[in-house]
Structure formats: structure tokens, C-alpha cells
Protein backbone atom coordinates (compact mmCIF):
# COMPACT_ATOMS: atom_id res chain seq x y z
CA MET A 1 92.34 46.28 135.51
CA SER A 2 92.04 49.01 137.74
CA ASN A 3 88.54 50.79 137.93
CA ARG A 4 88.73 53.80 135.39
CA TYR A 5 85.08 54.42 135.62
CA SER A 6 82.73 56.05 137.83
CA SER A 7 79.86 54.31 139.41
CA GLU A 8 77.82 56.37 137.22
CA GLN A 9 79.41 55.40 134.05
CA LEU A 10 79.22 51.57 135.00
CA LYS A 11 75.47 51.89 135.77
CA TRP A 12 74.96 53.58 132.31
CA ILE A 13 76.69 50.79 130.64
CA TYR A 14 74.38 48.18 132.29
CA GLU A 15 71.52 50.12 131.75
CA LYS A 16 72.18 50.44 127.88
CA LEU A 17 73.09 46.73 127.81
CA THR A 18 70.01 45.62 129.41
CA LEU A 19 67.77 47.97 127.82
CA ILE A 20 68.85 46.83 124.21
CA ARG A 21 68.58 43.04 125.17
CA GLU A 22 65.12 43.79 126.63
CA PHE A 23 64.11 45.71 123.55
CA GLU A 24 65.08 43.18 121.10
CA GLU A 25 63.44 40.06 122.87
CA ARG A 26 60.28 41.94 123.19
CA ILE A 27 60.41 42.93 119.53
CA TYR A 28 61.03 39.22 118.66
CA ARG A 29 58.17 38.13 120.68
CA ASP A 30 55.85 40.73 119.19
CA TYR A 31 56.85 40.21 115.88
CA LEU A 32 56.18 36.44 115.82
CA ASN A 33 52.66 37.35 117.28
CA ASN A 34 51.90 39.40 114.14
CA LYS A 35 51.80 42.69 116.25
CA LEU A 36 54.59 44.37 114.15
CA PRO A 37 54.56 45.19 110.35
CA GLY A 38 57.57 45.14 108.06
CA PHE A 39 60.73 43.44 108.67
CA VAL A 40 63.39 43.17 111.67
CA HIS A 41 66.90 42.23 112.09
CA LEU A 42 67.77 41.61 116.02
CA TYR A 43 70.96 43.20 117.83
CA ALA A 44 70.69 40.74 120.66
CA GLY A 45 74.35 39.24 121.50
CA GLU A 46 76.08 42.38 120.02
CA GLU A 47 75.19 44.78 122.73
CA ALA A 48 78.72 45.31 124.00
CA VAL A 49 79.88 46.89 120.64
CA ALA A 50 77.18 49.58 120.42
CA VAL A 51 77.50 50.46 124.14
CA GLY A 52 81.21 50.37 124.33
CA VAL A 53 81.38 52.72 121.31
CA CYS A 54 78.78 55.17 122.52
CA ALA A 55 80.04 55.36 126.01
CA LEU A 56 82.89 57.14 124.54
CA LEU A 57 80.80 59.46 122.27
CA ARG A 58 79.29 62.89 123.07
CA LYS A 59 75.59 63.70 122.37
CA SER A 60 76.67 66.09 119.53
CA ASP A 61 78.94 63.37 117.75
CA TYR A 62 77.52 61.49 115.14
CA ILE A 63 76.69 57.74 114.33
CA THR A 64 75.49 55.98 111.40
CA SER A 65 73.92 52.66 111.31
CA THR A 66 72.86 49.45 109.51
CA HIS A 67 69.56 47.44 108.78
CA ARG A 68 70.45 45.99 112.59
CA GLY A 69 70.25 49.37 114.23
CA HIS A 70 67.97 49.08 117.30
CA GLY A 71 71.10 48.71 119.57
CA HIS A 72 73.16 51.80 118.17
CA CYS A 73 69.88 53.96 118.46
CA ILE A 74 69.55 53.10 122.15
CA ALA A 75 73.26 53.39 122.95
CA LYS A 76 73.18 56.73 121.34
CA GLY A 77 70.40 57.99 123.24
CA VAL A 78 67.13 57.61 121.11
CA ASP A 79 64.09 57.25 123.14
CA PRO A 80 62.89 53.66 123.19
CA LYS A 81 59.17 54.59 123.60
CA HIS A 82 59.42 56.42 120.21
CA MET A 83 61.54 53.61 118.62
CA MET A 84 58.78 51.02 119.67
CA ALA A 85 56.21 53.18 118.40
CA GLU A 86 58.15 53.42 115.02
CA LEU A 87 58.15 49.77 114.87
CA TYR A 88 54.64 49.69 115.49
CA GLY A 89 54.07 52.21 112.60
CA LYS A 90 52.44 54.84 114.69
CA ALA A 91 52.45 58.40 114.08
CA THR A 92 54.27 58.84 117.63
CA GLY A 93 57.29 56.92 116.22
CA THR A 94 60.74 58.51 115.84
CA CYS A 95 60.13 59.04 112.29
CA LYS A 96 56.45 59.27 112.46
CA GLY A 97 55.91 55.59 111.73
CA LYS A 98 57.28 56.04 108.14
CA GLY A 99 60.70 54.48 108.69
CA GLY A 100 60.27 51.38 110.46
CA SER A 101 62.87 49.20 112.00
CA MET A 102 65.52 49.65 109.33
CA HIS A 103 65.22 53.49 108.95
CA ILE A 104 65.18 55.13 112.57
CA ALA A 105 66.77 58.27 112.55
CA ASP A 106 67.01 61.07 115.48
CA ILE A 107 69.30 64.10 114.54
CA ASP A 108 69.05 65.50 117.91
CA CYS A 109 70.83 62.52 119.43
CA GLY A 110 73.26 62.45 116.62
CA MET A 111 71.83 59.47 115.10
CA LEU A 112 72.03 59.93 111.39
CA GLY A 113 70.00 56.98 110.69
CA ALA A 114 69.54 53.15 110.33
CA ASN A 115 69.88 52.05 106.77
CA GLY A 116 68.60 49.28 104.74
CA ILE A 117 71.45 49.82 101.95
CA VAL A 118 74.51 47.66 102.81
CA VAL A 119 77.73 49.99 103.51
CA ALA A 120 75.76 53.17 103.00
CA GLY A 121 76.25 54.43 106.39
CA LEU A 122 80.12 54.69 105.71
CA PRO A 123 79.87 57.50 103.30
CA LEU A 124 77.45 59.44 105.38
CA ALA A 125 79.63 59.21 108.33
CA CYS A 126 82.55 60.44 106.16
CA GLY A 127 80.12 63.53 105.20
CA ALA A 128 79.38 64.29 108.83
CA ALA A 129 82.89 64.10 109.69
CA LEU A 130 83.86 66.40 106.86
CA SER A 131 80.99 68.91 108.07
CA ALA A 132 82.69 68.77 111.62
CA LYS A 133 86.32 69.58 110.11
CA VAL A 134 84.96 72.49 107.93
CA ARG A 135 82.89 73.80 110.86
CA LYS A 136 86.33 73.38 113.08
CA THR A 137 84.46 71.56 115.77
CA ASP A 138 85.82 68.53 117.65
CA GLN A 139 82.78 66.39 116.85
CA VAL A 140 83.52 62.86 115.62
CA ALA A 141 81.29 60.37 113.52
CA ALA A 142 81.28 56.43 114.18
CA ALA A 143 80.17 54.16 111.40
CA PHE A 144 78.84 51.04 112.34
CA PHE A 145 78.96 48.26 109.55
CA GLY A 146 79.21 44.11 109.35
CA ASP A 147 81.85 42.03 108.14
CA GLY A 148 80.11 41.50 104.76
CA SER A 149 80.19 45.25 104.21
CA SER A 150 83.93 45.15 104.37
CA ASN A 151 84.02 43.22 101.10
CA SER A 152 81.99 46.05 99.37
CA GLY A 153 83.28 49.05 97.32
CA ALA A 154 81.87 51.80 99.37
CA PHE A 155 83.86 50.50 102.59
CA HIS A 156 87.17 50.74 100.66
CA GLU A 157 86.09 54.28 99.09
CA SER A 158 85.18 55.65 102.41
CA LEU A 159 88.51 54.32 104.08
CA ASN A 160 90.28 56.09 101.39
CA PHE A 161 88.50 59.33 101.38
CA ALA A 162 88.83 59.62 105.09
CA ALA A 163 92.36 58.74 105.19
CA VAL A 164 93.32 61.24 102.57
CA LEU A 165 91.51 64.17 104.14
CA LYS A 166 92.34 63.08 107.95
CA LEU A 167 88.38 62.87 108.78
CA PRO A 168 87.54 62.35 112.38
CA VAL A 169 85.67 59.09 111.65
CA ILE A 170 85.73 55.73 113.70
CA PHE A 171 84.84 52.73 111.37
CA VAL A 172 83.39 50.09 113.74
CA LEU A 173 83.39 46.79 112.08
CA GLU A 174 80.89 44.34 113.65
CA ASN A 175 82.29 40.96 112.75
CA ASN A 176 79.48 38.54 113.91
CA GLY A 177 80.86 35.91 111.48
CA TYR A 178 78.13 35.94 108.89
CA ALA A 179 77.10 38.21 106.17
CA ASP A 180 73.56 36.98 106.00
CA ALA A 181 74.22 33.20 105.67
CA THR A 182 77.55 33.55 104.24
CA PRO A 183 80.38 32.88 106.71
CA ILE A 184 83.16 35.38 106.48
CA ARG A 185 85.94 32.91 106.75
CA TYR A 186 84.48 31.90 103.42
CA ALA A 187 84.29 35.32 101.73
CA ALA A 188 87.59 36.82 103.22
CA ALA A 189 91.24 35.44 103.09
CA ILE A 190 92.36 37.05 106.26
CA GLU A 191 91.55 36.27 109.84
CA ASN A 192 91.39 39.88 111.23
CA LEU A 193 89.56 42.33 109.17
CA SER A 194 91.25 45.21 110.64
CA GLU A 195 94.27 44.36 108.59
CA ARG A 196 92.67 46.18 105.81
CA ALA A 197 93.36 49.47 107.40
CA ARG A 198 96.98 49.04 106.57
CA GLY A 199 96.23 49.74 102.83
CA TYR A 200 95.12 53.18 103.69
CA GLY A 201 97.66 54.08 106.15
CA ILE A 202 95.44 54.30 109.20
CA PRO A 203 95.40 52.25 112.38
CA GLY A 204 93.16 49.29 112.78
CA VAL A 205 92.75 46.95 115.69
CA THR A 206 90.67 43.75 116.25
CA VAL A 207 89.13 43.57 119.82
CA ASP A 208 86.78 41.05 121.76
CA GLY A 209 83.28 42.30 120.74
CA MET A 210 81.61 40.39 123.51
CA ASP A 211 83.62 42.46 126.26
CA VAL A 212 82.46 45.92 126.75
CA PHE A 213 85.75 46.94 128.31
CA SER A 214 87.82 45.99 125.63
CA VAL A 215 85.48 47.82 123.00
CA MET A 216 85.55 50.92 125.19
CA GLU A 217 89.41 50.94 125.24
CA ALA A 218 89.78 50.63 121.60
CA THR A 219 87.22 53.27 121.09
CA GLU A 220 88.84 55.63 123.53
CA GLU A 221 92.23 55.77 121.56
CA ALA A 222 90.23 56.02 118.26
CA VAL A 223 88.04 58.98 119.52
CA ALA A 224 90.92 60.81 120.78
CA ARG A 225 92.88 60.32 117.58
CA ALA A 226 89.89 61.61 115.80
CA ARG A 227 89.30 64.86 118.14
CA ASN A 228 92.81 65.63 117.84
CA GLY A 229 92.79 66.00 114.13
CA ASN A 230 94.87 62.68 113.30
CA GLY A 231 92.37 61.04 111.22
CA PRO A 232 90.38 57.84 111.21
CA SER A 233 90.69 54.33 112.71
CA LEU A 234 89.18 51.09 111.82
CA VAL A 235 87.87 48.97 115.04
CA GLU A 236 87.06 45.54 114.38
CA CYS A 237 84.67 44.03 117.12
CA LYS A 238 84.28 40.15 116.87
CA THR A 239 80.91 39.45 118.36
CA TYR A 240 77.79 37.19 117.68
CA ARG A 241 74.09 37.66 117.09
CA TYR A 242 71.91 34.96 118.82
CA TYR A 243 69.09 35.31 116.39
CA GLY A 244 69.04 34.60 112.68
CA HIS A 245 69.87 37.51 110.06
CA PHE A 246 66.35 38.61 110.23
CA VAL A 247 63.31 37.39 112.22
CA GLY A 248 62.13 34.34 110.30
CA ASP A 249 65.53 33.08 109.07
CA ALA A 250 65.61 29.35 109.61
CA GLY A 251 69.50 29.74 110.31
CA LEU A 252 70.53 26.37 108.39
CA TYR A 253 73.96 27.73 107.75
CA ARG A 254 74.87 27.33 111.45
CA SER A 255 74.49 24.71 114.24
CA LYS A 256 72.31 25.21 117.22
CA GLU A 257 75.43 23.93 119.07
CA GLU A 258 77.53 26.72 117.82
CA VAL A 259 74.98 29.39 118.96
CA GLU A 260 74.96 27.84 122.34
CA GLU A 261 78.47 27.76 122.80
CA LYS A 262 78.77 31.47 121.80
CA LYS A 263 76.13 32.19 124.42
CA LYS A 264 78.47 31.22 127.17
CA GLU A 265 80.41 34.53 126.51
CA ASP A 266 77.19 36.62 126.61
CA CYS A 267 78.37 40.16 126.96
CA ILE A 268 75.97 40.85 129.66
CA LEU A 269 76.79 37.92 131.90
CA ARG A 270 80.69 38.74 131.25
CA TYR A 271 79.81 42.47 132.35
CA GLU A 272 77.84 41.01 135.51
CA LYS A 273 80.69 38.74 136.45
CA ARG A 274 83.37 41.44 136.05
CA VAL A 275 81.65 44.24 138.20
CA LEU A 276 80.66 41.82 140.97
CA ALA A 277 84.11 40.24 141.13
CA GLU A 278 85.84 43.76 141.37
CA LYS A 279 83.21 44.98 143.63
CA TRP A 280 82.66 47.81 141.27
CA LEU A 281 78.64 47.40 141.40
CA SER A 282 76.63 45.36 143.93
CA GLN A 283 74.06 42.37 142.97
CA GLN A 284 71.27 44.70 144.27
CA GLU A 285 72.36 47.39 141.93
CA LEU A 286 72.47 45.21 139.06
CA ARG A 287 69.02 43.74 139.66
CA GLU A 288 67.51 47.21 140.14
CA ILE A 289 68.95 48.38 136.98
CA GLN A 290 67.72 45.34 135.11
CA ARG A 291 64.20 45.78 136.66
CA GLN A 292 63.97 49.41 135.29
CA SER A 293 64.96 48.26 131.85
CA LEU A 294 62.23 45.73 131.85
CA GLU A 295 59.84 48.21 133.00
CA SER A 296 61.02 50.68 130.45
CA ILE A 297 60.17 48.34 127.68
CA GLU A 298 56.94 47.41 128.99
CA GLU A 299 56.03 51.29 129.00
CA ALA A 300 57.35 51.45 125.48
CA VAL A 301 54.94 48.80 124.47
CA ARG A 302 52.24 50.62 126.02
CA PHE A 303 53.10 53.77 124.44
CA ALA A 304 53.16 52.18 121.10
CA GLU A 305 50.16 50.59 121.43
CA ASP A 306 48.29 53.58 122.52
CA GLY A 307 49.62 55.68 119.92
CA PRO A 308 47.53 56.96 116.67
CA ASP A 309 48.04 55.52 113.45
CA PRO A 310 49.47 58.08 110.72
CA GLU A 311 46.77 59.85 108.87
CA LEU A 312 46.51 59.33 104.98
CA LYS A 313 47.31 63.03 104.32
CA GLU A 314 50.67 62.50 106.00
CA CYS A 315 51.87 60.13 103.24
CA LEU A 316 53.59 63.12 101.35
CA GLU A 317 54.71 65.10 104.23
CA ASP A 318 58.47 65.18 104.97
CA VAL A 319 59.04 63.89 101.56
CA TYR A 320 59.67 67.05 99.30
CA VAL A 321 61.76 70.13 100.59
CA SER A 322 60.65 73.60 99.71
CA TYR A 323 63.14 76.13 98.62
């Protein structure tokens, strides 16, 4: 593959990949040490999907997320410091400490929200895309969701709605093999879930979700189609999560051998191997970016720990709208 990407783009990709990984690894440790309230679902292992998609989006474009949304947030440009503060329940958090891990949103970045309701992000993405179409902008919306979500009614309703109205949506199916503890091979009769796009007359493609370049190539085509007014696409990215469905999940539905085997295809290691082999980036450049990512997360933790708790009077703020 020839180098279609600039040095700055390649560095941005690696920065986001490592930033997400360092964020999730730190969250895992802090949660086990009882530093964080609430519930967390980690994205470690799936970084290439969020980064590969968001690399092709503009700041003005939209994304909707899932309960496993940290990676999507960081890839779209949400500040890790405020994300960390949000997970710590601090007033300096992205949502003032009221949303927690599953409800981070930053409208200024086009991040319309992580969501604790399965499939709920797809109709929201359709709404954002419809808004862009009505306003006659060339904005697009990308909806991230899991393999289990593709068996839910709102998935089919959203694809049908977007197809009928030719909405500028990219449906990004993150197939990590398991819906909570249910293997997708048990819950679906087809190997590639992207084949479901045929029923709605839209393009569907399955790519290696552990290879950021494969994700980017598929996304590039889908984004171009959406911006040109040709409607939605379904991009299935086959990936893998390293941790359980949630922190604390015993993970008895899969073997340790399976997890270790999948880690041999780690998206960050594959990226490093590729850019070094092609001499697109040097080992020194990669090390410096990795150092900066680790430093950014350490800074984020300090910011979170030093932040104030929300005041009691804020409980009813941002809840009701005055007309």
C-alpha cells in the first residue's frame, strides 16, 4: 500500500490509538482500586475502529456512541481531562459529573452522546443526519453500535429510515464477537452482519477492525457517499475487546487462550509494524507520541482528583428546559 497519508495524519492516528489505550488501562486500575463510582465498560482492543472512522470525519460531523464509548469520545476530540473528571464524578467533568462513563457527550465536538440504552444511538444519528439534510449542509453522522444491537428492532428501523430518505449516515457495526456473554455465532445465522444492508438497498461491507487502515478505507468510501447525497452505508468492523463486557465481568463465556490469541493481532502493534516497515514514521517518533499519551492521561487523573465535587443545588440544573 502506498502512503496516502501525511506524516501529521499518521501521527494523529497513533496519538489517538495510544491515548485511548492508556485511558482505558488507567480506568481499569483505578476502578479496581475503588477510586471511581458507577459502572465502566472498556474499549481496549477496539481502538482501530473509533480512530479509523473519526480520522475521516470533520469536527462539524456527528457521532453517536454506546455504553462502551470512551474510545469514540477521544477519537472525536473530547478532552480526556474532562472525561476523566466525569468518570470521577467531578463538577469539572464533561457533563459536570452527572453523566458518568455511559453518558459522556460533547456537542462542540459533534459527540452527541454515549448511551446506556442498546441501539439508542442509531435513531439519534438518523435525526442528526436528517437535520443536516434539511439544513443543506454536507455534514454526516456516524453511529457506532455492537453486534448484538444488529438483532434489535431499532437497528432495522434506522437502516430502513435512513435508506428511504437517503440520509448521510454511516452505520459502524463493531463486531467484537459477543453481545455481553452471547456469542454472535449463536445469535445470528450469517457470518458477515454487513449482509443485512442488502435488505435495505444500501452498501454493506465487512472489514478487519483490528487494522486501522482497512477501517479508514471503508469509511472513506462511506463518508464520500453520504456527503454526495447518495445515502447511508453499513460498515462492519470485526474486532475484539480485551476486557469483559464490564469491569468485574468474570468472562466465563470465553477462554483465556482465546483472548491471548486475539491479542497477537493487536491494532496498535499492527500499526507500529506497518508504519515502521514502510518507513512512514520512525521508532523515535512512535516512542515520543506514546510518552505524550501516557503523560496526558497522568495529567487527566491529576485534573480529576483535584476537581471539586458537584454541589447539591446542581442536582436539578440542566434537567428542565425553560420556554
